[in-house]
Amino acid sequence: MKRLLCIIAAALVLTAAVRAQAATEVRMTGDALVYGNFFANRNFTGWNTAKWTNEAGNIRPAGSQTEDRFEIWERFRLRSDFIANEAVKFRLGVLVEDVWGHGTFTAANPTVAVEVYQAYLQFKWPGCDVQISAGLQPASIPQSSFFAGSVVFDENVSSLIITAPLIQDHLSMVLAYVRTIASDRTYAPTTTSIYSNEEGYMLALPFTMDGFKATPWALFGVGGKGGHYLTEAGWAEGLISSGLFSMAPVGWKNNFITALWAGTTLEVLALDPLKFYADVIWGQHGMNEYAKNVRNGWFIDAAAEYTGWDVLTPQAFGFWSTGEDSSTRNGSERMPNFFPGSGRGGEHEGGTISWNAGNSFLFDGGQELVKGSNMGISPVGNWGFGASLNNISFIEKLTQRFTFAYVHGNNSAKAIRYANFVLGSNPIFQMGRDLTDKEWVIGLNFDTKYMLYENLALILETGWAHPSQFQKNVWGSRLANKAEDAWKVSCGFKYTF
């Protein structure tokens, strides 16, 4: 009976598609990944990191689970554009992703899990070039094009985005409204009114002239104290100060918690093939809160590359971010960001944050073989630099990349020690992801891609990370003594269509 229902459902879908095609053009694109991944010493220990288990703040501590070093992952993404005309379309994107032997890919008795990761309407307002997109769609804060993505927010999210040209070919305006969570949906669990949503409003002004690009932007956010940030959203640790839980009075003061970010991207292309990139970002979360709950800080990055050679592209980059001072009473000095925490990105598997340079093994973003792809070190609260030889190509159809990166902590050991003393092992500060001002990590990665066919690639990604001695009086002897070098080898196929 179950199989008969599936056949009937499939037939109905095909019939609907045929009928729709009579009046609507349907274009399909997508990609498929199948790859094996060997990863030794995730989080430098081979153990799990701390994770929120409920909204009350209960925590599963770090070092309570052991890694499985070898996995085979498969991912399939299909994007269907239903195009009425050149001005109107709807996109539906579906995703299937899991390890072999689990969920969808379990033999004989699979648990099928198909995720809708994009579903949005896009059209131009009649008689002008104003473009409007509404629905579940890719949305990110502007970041210079050298880096893999935004350090603040970069994710598929339910949003309304309006793009309007102001000066043809030179200046445009982007307005966006996003709602990241609506924890209680229609009704709150009680008759007491507690705001449980989180939303943001962004303005960006992309500007282009010969040899120069810049995008100043600002983002205002509002979140309710009733929102399920710890387990549902999964990025609380990127937004909050440890003082929220470690100092009295515990919790938020207000029903509405406000946040503000502002920044600009810069790209200087006038000296092409020598190109320069930079970003300057400031952010504050909990602007109307107790001082202990406020998180406020800066993030700056810069990069340069030379694209004048056919055989390789040399690149260099650096970044700096404010870190925690010695006091928790005055809040956090790290820039707030939507860091993937206990939710989708907690295993450093291509979650929310996308900032990276040179496809470094140290940071979460840019890797093609996404699951188990990196160490998940946060650039926020740290500083560092690196160099990359990109697009190395001496053989037809073969490209390679070699990257070195160094990261040094910018956080006071006293602030982290206090949080760990009061809260125990916790997701706000994690050894190896967040570094004290006496800790550092170096990383190397060497990546290779060979195009078997125009749309089929054989990919090999390798990485190695070496930490300094982690401070035992901050993280505890058990975790610090277990830390050792981490490395990974991922190899597989990527098919695009």
Foldseek 3Di string as FASTA:
>chain_A
DVVVVVVVVVVVVVVVVVVLVVQWPKDKWWKKWKWKKFWPCFLLFQWAAKAQPFLVRDIDHIPPGGHDGMWIKIKIKMWMWTGNDPFKIWIWMKMDIDTQCAAQNNPPDHNDDIDTQDTWIWGADPPFRKIKIFAFAWDFDDFDPQWQGDLFWTGGFGKIWIKHADDPPFKIKIKMKTKHDQPCPPDDPDPDDFGATKMKIKIWMWGDDVQKTKIKMKMKMKGFQNHGCREPLQQVLLAWFLLCDQPPPHHWDDGIKMKMKIKMKIKGRNPPVKIKIKIKMWMWTRPPTQQLTIETWIKMKMKIWGDPDQQWIKMKMKMDMAFADLDSNRHTHWHGHRQRHNYDCNQLQQDIGATDHQLFQADRHDDPNRGPRHNHARPIQKIWMKMKTFQRDPDPQKGKMKMKIKIAGNYALNSLLSSCVRVNRHRSDRNSNHHHRVKMKMKMKMKMWGPPDPFKIKIKIKMKMAIDQGDCSRNNPVSSVSRGMMMMIMIIMMGID
